[in-house]
């Protein structure tokens, strides 16, 4: 049975068959719900500082 994953950047849900999976050279696997999340991580942004991410909302006690 396929398992839903968690986005490595925003913390959102990645349904089976959707999103992107990135495997780094060191063997680390990153899952992304959208190309928006992948680009933000590539730009070096911290998820806790980007307002729309689930991690930022949790850090500010909004959700």
Protein backbone atom coordinates (compact mmCIF):
# COMPACT_ATOMS: atom_id res chain seq x y z
CA UNK A 1 0.00 0.00 0.00
CA UNK A 2 1.41 3.43 -0.97
CA UNK A 3 2.27 5.79 1.85
CA UNK A 4 1.72 9.55 1.91
CA UNK A 5 4.96 11.42 2.59
CA UNK A 6 5.74 14.75 4.19
CA UNK A 7 7.23 17.62 2.17
CA UNK A 8 10.86 18.26 3.15
CA UNK A 9 10.40 22.03 2.91
CA UNK A 10 6.92 23.10 3.98
CA UNK A 11 5.85 20.01 5.93
CA UNK A 12 2.73 19.52 3.81
CA UNK A 13 1.33 16.18 2.70
CA UNK A 14 2.64 14.56 -0.51
CA UNK A 15 0.15 12.06 -1.92
CA UNK A 16 1.40 8.88 -3.64
CA UNK A 17 1.98 9.55 -7.34
CA UNK A 18 2.25 13.31 -6.83
CA UNK A 19 5.04 15.72 -6.00
CA UNK A 20 8.77 15.39 -6.55
CA UNK A 21 11.47 13.20 -5.05
CA UNK A 22 15.09 14.34 -5.00
CA UNK A 23 17.94 11.96 -4.14
CA UNK A 24 21.14 13.76 -3.19
CA UNK A 25 24.61 12.36 -3.82
CA UNK A 26 25.02 11.44 -0.16
CA UNK A 27 21.89 9.25 -0.33
CA UNK A 28 19.52 11.68 1.39
CA UNK A 29 16.00 11.56 -0.03
CA UNK A 30 13.95 14.76 -0.12
CA UNK A 31 10.25 14.89 -0.97
CA UNK A 32 8.54 18.02 -2.28
CA UNK A 33 4.84 18.73 -2.71
CA UNK A 34 5.52 21.27 -5.48
CA UNK A 35 8.27 22.87 -7.53
CA UNK A 36 7.73 25.99 -5.39
CA UNK A 37 9.03 24.11 -2.34
CA UNK A 38 11.93 22.63 -4.30
CA UNK A 39 13.02 26.07 -5.58
CA UNK A 40 12.79 27.65 -2.12
CA UNK A 41 15.02 24.97 -0.62
CA UNK A 42 17.45 25.33 -3.53
CA UNK A 43 17.63 29.07 -2.86
CA UNK A 44 18.72 28.33 0.71
CA UNK A 45 15.59 29.60 2.42
CA UNK A 46 14.72 28.35 5.89
CA UNK A 47 11.22 26.83 6.16
CA UNK A 48 10.60 28.42 9.57
CA UNK A 49 11.12 31.90 8.09
CA UNK A 50 8.79 31.49 5.11
CA UNK A 51 5.32 32.52 6.32
CA UNK A 52 3.18 30.12 4.25
CA UNK A 53 4.91 26.91 5.39
CA UNK A 54 3.44 24.65 8.03
CA UNK A 55 6.67 24.83 10.01
CA UNK A 56 6.51 28.64 10.17
CA UNK A 57 2.88 28.52 11.27
CA UNK A 58 3.81 26.09 14.03
CA UNK A 59 6.73 28.27 15.10
CA UNK A 60 4.35 31.25 15.40
CA UNK A 61 1.69 29.07 17.14
CA UNK A 62 -0.91 29.63 14.39
CA UNK A 63 -1.80 26.02 13.63
